[in-house]
């Protein structure tokens, strides 16, 4: 991963990654999603939600609602 960026959420479900991105963007946080799904077996692999290192703590706090 590039320097200055942190993974704050990982899920195997694309809809959960999209929900996380929406929550963070609504709070003004710039987000990148990394799709690590296998193209041969789409049910295998994860989606990572990544934010700038400076936003990491705030993003984790916002996303606590999603983990339950």
N, C-alpha and C. Protein backbone atom coordinates (compact mmCIF):
# COMPACT_ATOMS: atom_id res chain seq x y z
N UNK A 1 0.84 -1.17 0.00
CA UNK A 1 0.00 0.00 0.00
C UNK A 1 0.90 1.25 0.00
N UNK A 2 0.42 2.27 -0.67
CA UNK A 2 1.17 3.50 -0.77
C UNK A 2 1.35 4.15 0.60
N UNK A 3 2.47 4.82 0.78
CA UNK A 3 2.75 5.53 2.02
C UNK A 3 1.72 6.65 2.20
N UNK A 4 1.23 6.80 3.43
CA UNK A 4 0.28 7.85 3.71
C UNK A 4 -1.18 7.42 3.65
N UNK A 5 -1.42 6.15 3.31
CA UNK A 5 -2.78 5.62 3.22
C UNK A 5 -2.92 4.45 4.18
N UNK A 6 -4.13 4.28 4.75
CA UNK A 6 -4.38 3.20 5.71
C UNK A 6 -5.69 2.48 5.38
N UNK A 7 -5.66 1.19 5.52
CA UNK A 7 -6.87 0.38 5.34
C UNK A 7 -7.68 0.48 6.63
N UNK A 8 -8.96 0.88 6.49
CA UNK A 8 -9.80 1.05 7.68
C UNK A 8 -10.97 0.07 7.72
N UNK A 9 -11.22 -0.61 6.63
CA UNK A 9 -12.35 -1.54 6.60
C UNK A 9 -12.09 -2.57 5.51
N UNK A 10 -12.40 -3.82 5.82
CA UNK A 10 -12.25 -4.89 4.83
C UNK A 10 -13.47 -5.79 4.94
N UNK A 11 -14.00 -6.18 3.79
CA UNK A 11 -15.19 -7.02 3.76
C UNK A 11 -15.20 -7.86 2.49
N UNK A 12 -15.88 -8.96 2.54
CA UNK A 12 -16.04 -9.80 1.37
C UNK A 12 -17.29 -9.44 0.57
N UNK A 13 -18.05 -8.47 1.06
CA UNK A 13 -19.31 -8.06 0.43
C UNK A 13 -19.18 -6.68 -0.19
N UNK A 14 -19.42 -6.60 -1.49
CA UNK A 14 -19.28 -5.31 -2.17
C UNK A 14 -20.25 -4.26 -1.64
N UNK A 15 -21.47 -4.66 -1.29
CA UNK A 15 -22.44 -3.68 -0.81
C UNK A 15 -22.01 -3.05 0.53
N UNK A 16 -21.30 -3.83 1.38
CA UNK A 16 -20.82 -3.28 2.64
C UNK A 16 -19.69 -2.28 2.39
N UNK A 17 -18.84 -2.57 1.41
CA UNK A 17 -17.78 -1.63 1.06
C UNK A 17 -18.37 -0.33 0.54
N UNK A 18 -19.41 -0.42 -0.28
CA UNK A 18 -20.07 0.78 -0.80
C UNK A 18 -20.72 1.56 0.33
N UNK A 19 -21.33 0.86 1.29
CA UNK A 19 -21.91 1.55 2.45
C UNK A 19 -20.84 2.28 3.25
N UNK A 20 -19.69 1.65 3.45
CA UNK A 20 -18.59 2.28 4.18
C UNK A 20 -18.10 3.52 3.45
N UNK A 21 -17.96 3.40 2.15
CA UNK A 21 -17.50 4.53 1.35
C UNK A 21 -18.48 5.69 1.45
N UNK A 22 -19.77 5.40 1.33
CA UNK A 22 -20.79 6.45 1.44
C UNK A 22 -20.73 7.13 2.80
N UNK A 23 -20.60 6.35 3.86
CA UNK A 23 -20.55 6.93 5.21
C UNK A 23 -19.35 7.88 5.35
N UNK A 24 -18.21 7.46 4.85
CA UNK A 24 -17.00 8.27 4.98
C UNK A 24 -17.06 9.52 4.09
N UNK A 25 -17.51 9.34 2.87
CA UNK A 25 -17.61 10.49 1.96
C UNK A 25 -18.61 11.51 2.47
N UNK A 26 -19.69 11.06 3.12
CA UNK A 26 -20.66 11.99 3.71
C UNK A 26 -20.05 12.83 4.82
N UNK A 27 -18.96 12.34 5.40
CA UNK A 27 -18.24 13.07 6.45
C UNK A 27 -17.05 13.85 5.89
N UNK A 28 -16.93 13.88 4.57
CA UNK A 28 -15.87 14.65 3.93
C UNK A 28 -14.53 13.96 3.84
N UNK A 29 -14.51 12.66 4.02
CA UNK A 29 -13.26 11.89 3.96
C UNK A 29 -13.09 11.30 2.57
N UNK A 30 -11.92 11.50 1.99
CA UNK A 30 -11.60 10.93 0.68
C UNK A 30 -11.30 9.44 0.86
N UNK A 31 -11.92 8.64 0.00
CA UNK A 31 -11.85 7.18 0.15
C UNK A 31 -11.43 6.52 -1.17
N UNK A 32 -10.68 5.43 -1.04
CA UNK A 32 -10.32 4.60 -2.19
C UNK A 32 -10.74 3.18 -1.84
N UNK A 33 -11.32 2.47 -2.81
CA UNK A 33 -11.67 1.07 -2.59
C UNK A 33 -10.76 0.20 -3.45
N UNK A 34 -10.21 -0.81 -2.84
CA UNK A 34 -9.37 -1.77 -3.54
C UNK A 34 -10.14 -3.08 -3.65
N UNK A 35 -10.42 -3.51 -4.87
CA UNK A 35 -11.14 -4.75 -5.12
C UNK A 35 -10.12 -5.86 -5.28
N UNK A 36 -10.10 -6.78 -4.33
CA UNK A 36 -9.14 -7.88 -4.35
C UNK A 36 -9.81 -9.21 -4.68
N UNK A 37 -10.99 -9.14 -5.30
CA UNK A 37 -11.69 -10.37 -5.65
C UNK A 37 -10.99 -11.07 -6.80
N UNK A 38 -11.02 -12.36 -6.77
CA UNK A 38 -10.46 -13.20 -7.82
C UNK A 38 -11.40 -13.13 -9.03
N UNK A 39 -10.89 -12.85 -10.19
CA UNK A 39 -11.75 -12.75 -11.38
C UNK A 39 -12.30 -14.11 -11.81
N UNK A 40 -11.63 -15.16 -11.47
CA UNK A 40 -12.11 -16.50 -11.80
C UNK A 40 -13.19 -16.96 -10.83
N UNK A 41 -13.02 -16.62 -9.56
CA UNK A 41 -13.97 -16.99 -8.52
C UNK A 41 -14.41 -15.73 -7.78
N UNK A 42 -15.39 -14.99 -8.32
CA UNK A 42 -15.79 -13.71 -7.73
C UNK A 42 -16.24 -13.78 -6.28
N UNK A 43 -16.64 -14.95 -5.81
CA UNK A 43 -17.06 -15.05 -4.41
C UNK A 43 -15.86 -15.15 -3.46
N UNK A 44 -14.68 -15.15 -4.03
CA UNK A 44 -13.46 -15.26 -3.24
C UNK A 44 -12.68 -13.95 -3.32
N UNK A 45 -12.31 -13.41 -2.18
CA UNK A 45 -11.55 -12.16 -2.14
C UNK A 45 -12.29 -11.09 -1.36
N UNK A 46 -11.61 -10.00 -1.14
CA UNK A 46 -12.15 -8.94 -0.29
C UNK A 46 -12.13 -7.58 -0.99
N UNK A 47 -12.87 -6.66 -0.37
CA UNK A 47 -12.85 -5.26 -0.75
C UNK A 47 -12.24 -4.50 0.42
N UNK A 48 -11.24 -3.68 0.15
CA UNK A 48 -10.60 -2.88 1.19
C UNK A 48 -10.97 -1.42 0.99
N UNK A 49 -11.32 -0.77 2.09
CA UNK A 49 -11.61 0.66 2.08
C UNK A 49 -10.40 1.36 2.69
N UNK A 50 -9.86 2.30 1.95
CA UNK A 50 -8.59 2.92 2.31
C UNK A 50 -8.78 4.44 2.38
N UNK A 51 -8.18 5.05 3.42
CA UNK A 51 -8.26 6.50 3.59
C UNK A 51 -6.86 7.06 3.85
N UNK A 52 -6.74 8.38 3.77
CA UNK A 52 -5.48 9.03 4.09
C UNK A 52 -5.15 8.78 5.56
N UNK A 53 -3.88 8.64 5.85
CA UNK A 53 -3.44 8.35 7.21
C UNK A 53 -3.98 9.36 8.22
N UNK A 54 -4.08 10.60 7.83
CA UNK A 54 -4.58 11.66 8.73
C UNK A 54 -6.05 11.44 9.10
N UNK A 55 -6.80 10.75 8.28
CA UNK A 55 -8.23 10.50 8.53
C UNK A 55 -8.51 9.15 9.17
N UNK A 56 -7.47 8.37 9.43
CA UNK A 56 -7.65 6.99 9.89
C UNK A 56 -8.49 6.88 11.16
N UNK A 57 -8.14 7.59 12.20
CA UNK A 57 -8.85 7.45 13.48
C UNK A 57 -10.31 7.86 13.34
N UNK A 58 -10.55 8.95 12.66
CA UNK A 58 -11.93 9.43 12.46
C UNK A 58 -12.74 8.42 11.65
N UNK A 59 -12.13 7.87 10.60
CA UNK A 59 -12.80 6.90 9.75
C UNK A 59 -13.16 5.63 10.53
N UNK A 60 -12.26 5.16 11.34
CA UNK A 60 -12.52 3.96 12.14
C UNK A 60 -13.69 4.21 13.09
N UNK A 61 -13.73 5.38 13.68
CA UNK A 61 -14.83 5.71 14.60
C UNK A 61 -16.16 5.73 13.85
N UNK A 62 -16.19 6.33 12.68
CA UNK A 62 -17.41 6.39 11.87
C UNK A 62 -17.87 4.99 11.47
N UNK A 63 -16.93 4.13 11.12
CA UNK A 63 -17.27 2.80 10.61
C UNK A 63 -17.62 1.78 11.69
N UNK A 64 -17.48 2.14 12.95
CA UNK A 64 -17.85 1.20 14.03
C UNK A 64 -19.30 0.78 13.90
N UNK A 65 -20.14 1.64 13.38
CA UNK A 65 -21.57 1.32 13.19
C UNK A 65 -21.77 0.19 12.19
N UNK A 66 -20.88 0.07 11.23
CA UNK A 66 -21.00 -0.95 10.19
C UNK A 66 -20.59 -2.35 10.67
N UNK A 67 -19.77 -2.44 11.63
CA UNK A 67 -19.20 -3.73 12.03
C UNK A 67 -20.16 -4.58 12.84
N UNK A 68 -21.29 -4.05 13.21
CA UNK A 68 -22.25 -4.81 14.02
C UNK A 68 -23.43 -5.23 13.22
